[in-house]
C-alpha atoms as a PDB file:
ATOM      1  CA  UNK A   1       0.151   0.138  -0.030  1.00  0.00           C
ATOM      2  CA  UNK A   2       3.290   2.930   0.532  1.00  0.00           C
ATOM      3  CA  UNK A   3       3.812   2.215  -3.395  1.00  0.00           C
ATOM      4  CA  UNK A   4       0.617   3.551  -4.059  1.00  0.00           C
ATOM      5  CA  UNK A   5       0.854   6.334  -1.429  1.00  0.00           C
ATOM      6  CA  UNK A   6       4.076   6.985  -3.365  1.00  0.00           C
ATOM      7  CA  UNK A   7       3.021   7.259  -6.809  1.00  0.00           C
ATOM      8  CA  UNK A   8      -0.125   9.766  -5.737  1.00  0.00           C
ATOM      9  CA  UNK A   9       2.636  11.924  -3.861  1.00  0.00           C
ATOM     10  CA  UNK A  10       4.068  12.779  -7.057  1.00  0.00           C
ATOM     11  CA  UNK A  11       1.267  12.912  -9.483  1.00  0.00           C
ATOM     12  CA  UNK A  12       0.018  15.478  -7.477  1.00  0.00           C
ATOM     13  CA  UNK A  13       3.250  16.894  -6.766  1.00  0.00           C
ATOM     14  CA  UNK A  14       3.961  17.556 -10.670  1.00  0.00           C
ATOM     15  CA  UNK A  15       0.795  18.282 -11.058  1.00  0.00           C
ATOM     16  CA  UNK A  16       1.088  20.942  -8.593  1.00  0.00           C
ATOM     17  CA  UNK A  17       4.142  21.714 -10.212  1.00  0.00           C
ATOM     18  CA  UNK A  18       2.583  22.931 -13.524  1.00  0.00           C
ATOM     19  CA  UNK A  19       0.094  24.737 -12.031  1.00  0.00           C
ATOM     20  CA  UNK A  20       2.748  26.799 -10.537  1.00  0.00           C
ATOM     21  CA  UNK A  21       4.162  26.948 -13.917  1.00  0.00           C
ATOM     22  CA  UNK A  22       1.297  27.641 -15.385  1.00  0.00           C
ATOM     23  CA  UNK A  23       0.897  31.124 -13.101  1.00  0.00           C
ATOM     24  CA  UNK A  24       3.603  31.621 -13.749  1.00  0.00           C
ATOM     25  CA  UNK A  25       3.130  32.680 -16.911  1.00  0.00           C
ATOM     26  CA  UNK A  26      -0.564  33.758 -16.808  1.00  0.00           C
ATOM     27  CA  UNK A  27       1.065  36.790 -14.637  1.00  0.00           C
ATOM     28  CA  UNK A  28       3.730  37.418 -16.826  1.00  0.00           C
ATOM     29  CA  UNK A  29       0.824  37.673 -19.859  1.00  0.00           C
ATOM     30  CA  UNK A  30      -1.215  39.756 -17.347  1.00  0.00           C
ATOM     31  CA  UNK A  31       1.617  42.028 -16.345  1.00  0.00           C
ATOM     32  CA  UNK A  32       2.569  42.861 -20.058  1.00  0.00           C
ATOM     33  CA  UNK A  33      -1.230  43.330 -21.127  1.00  0.00           C
ATOM     34  CA  UNK A  34      -1.954  46.121 -18.806  1.00  0.00           C
ATOM     35  CA  UNK A  35       1.582  47.706 -19.441  1.00  0.00           C
ATOM     36  CA  UNK A  36       2.554  47.131 -23.076  1.00  0.00           C
ATOM     37  CA  UNK A  37       6.519  45.418 -22.053  1.00  0.00           C
ATOM     38  CA  UNK A  38       7.632  42.946 -19.948  1.00  0.00           C
ATOM     39  CA  UNK A  39       9.861  43.539 -16.429  1.00  0.00           C
ATOM     40  CA  UNK A  40      11.564  40.656 -14.910  1.00  0.00           C
ATOM     41  CA  UNK A  41      11.141  37.736 -12.918  1.00  0.00           C
ATOM     42  CA  UNK A  42      12.233  39.579  -9.815  1.00  0.00           C
ATOM     43  CA  UNK A  43       9.092  41.516 -10.610  1.00  0.00           C
ATOM     44  CA  UNK A  44       6.743  38.973 -11.216  1.00  0.00           C
ATOM     45  CA  UNK A  45       7.577  37.424  -8.447  1.00  0.00           C
ATOM     46  CA  UNK A  46       6.632  40.240  -6.281  1.00  0.00           C
ATOM     47  CA  UNK A  47       3.511  40.178  -7.565  1.00  0.00           C
ATOM     48  CA  UNK A  48       3.043  36.416  -7.560  1.00  0.00           C
ATOM     49  CA  UNK A  49       4.527  36.586  -3.683  1.00  0.00           C
ATOM     50  CA  UNK A  50       2.351  39.465  -2.476  1.00  0.00           C
ATOM     51  CA  UNK A  51       5.261  41.764  -1.983  1.00  0.00           C
ATOM     52  CA  UNK A  52       3.646  45.505  -1.597  1.00  0.00           C
ATOM     53  CA  UNK A  53       7.313  46.930  -3.278  1.00  0.00           C
ATOM     54  CA  UNK A  54       8.026  50.463  -4.545  1.00  0.00           C
ATOM     55  CA  UNK A  55       7.759  49.055  -8.259  1.00  0.00           C
ATOM     56  CA  UNK A  56       4.594  47.258  -7.441  1.00  0.00           C
ATOM     57  CA  UNK A  57       3.688  50.345  -6.337  1.00  0.00           C
ATOM     58  CA  UNK A  58       3.824  52.462  -9.248  1.00  0.00           C
ATOM     59  CA  UNK A  59       2.465  49.945 -11.576  1.00  0.00           C
ATOM     60  CA  UNK A  60      -0.565  49.668  -9.283  1.00  0.00           C
ATOM     61  CA  UNK A  61       0.200  45.122 -10.224  1.00  0.00           C
ATOM     62  CA  UNK A  62      -1.507  44.873  -6.676  1.00  0.00           C
ATOM     63  CA  UNK A  63      -4.415  44.987  -9.114  1.00  0.00           C
ATOM     64  CA  UNK A  64      -3.569  42.297 -10.935  1.00  0.00           C
ATOM     65  CA  UNK A  65      -5.709  38.854  -9.711  1.00  0.00           C
ATOM     66  CA  UNK A  66      -2.600  37.545  -9.054  1.00  0.00           C
ATOM     67  CA  UNK A  67      -1.091  39.363  -6.466  1.00  0.00           C
ATOM     68  CA  UNK A  68      -0.315  37.646  -3.406  1.00  0.00           C
ATOM     69  CA  UNK A  69      -0.710  33.897  -4.291  1.00  0.00           C
ATOM     70  CA  UNK A  70      -1.393  31.231  -2.000  1.00  0.00           C
ATOM     71  CA  UNK A  71       1.030  27.789  -2.250  1.00  0.00           C
ATOM     72  CA  UNK A  72       4.836  29.360  -2.719  1.00  0.00           C
ATOM     73  CA  UNK A  73       7.725  31.406  -0.801  1.00  0.00           C
ATOM     74  CA  UNK A  74       9.483  33.932  -2.261  1.00  0.00           C
ATOM     75  CA  UNK A  75      12.221  32.271  -3.281  1.00  0.00           C
ATOM     76  CA  UNK A  76       9.937  28.581  -4.873  1.00  0.00           C
ATOM     77  CA  UNK A  77       8.203  31.040  -7.203  1.00  0.00           C
ATOM     78  CA  UNK A  78      11.992  32.364  -8.343  1.00  0.00           C
ATOM     79  CA  UNK A  79      13.245  29.100  -8.788  1.00  0.00           C
ATOM     80  CA  UNK A  80      10.769  27.580 -10.696  1.00  0.00           C
ATOM     81  CA  UNK A  81      10.638  30.747 -12.843  1.00  0.00           C
ATOM     82  CA  UNK A  82      14.483  30.480 -13.431  1.00  0.00           C
ATOM     83  CA  UNK A  83      13.463  26.519 -14.967  1.00  0.00           C
ATOM     84  CA  UNK A  84      11.856  28.590 -17.923  1.00  0.00           C
ATOM     85  CA  UNK A  85      15.531  30.199 -18.646  1.00  0.00           C
ATOM     86  CA  UNK A  86      17.381  26.923 -18.603  1.00  0.00           C
END
């Protein structure tokens, strides 16, 4: 029975990674759609992590529905986002 739990856990973990990557791509698209140009990974991660930086306040990115997403810490968002660059 333990092997079944391991398989279910690994599939759930993989599914969570897919959804997390989709949230990053969605955030990039929403920021681009709103401003007409992109920002760096740190700005995208700050939006997803719910940071209240000067850049986010200036650009009113807090109104984005992806601001302050639960589930990941800033370091995890950054690590996953860096995975796109490889």
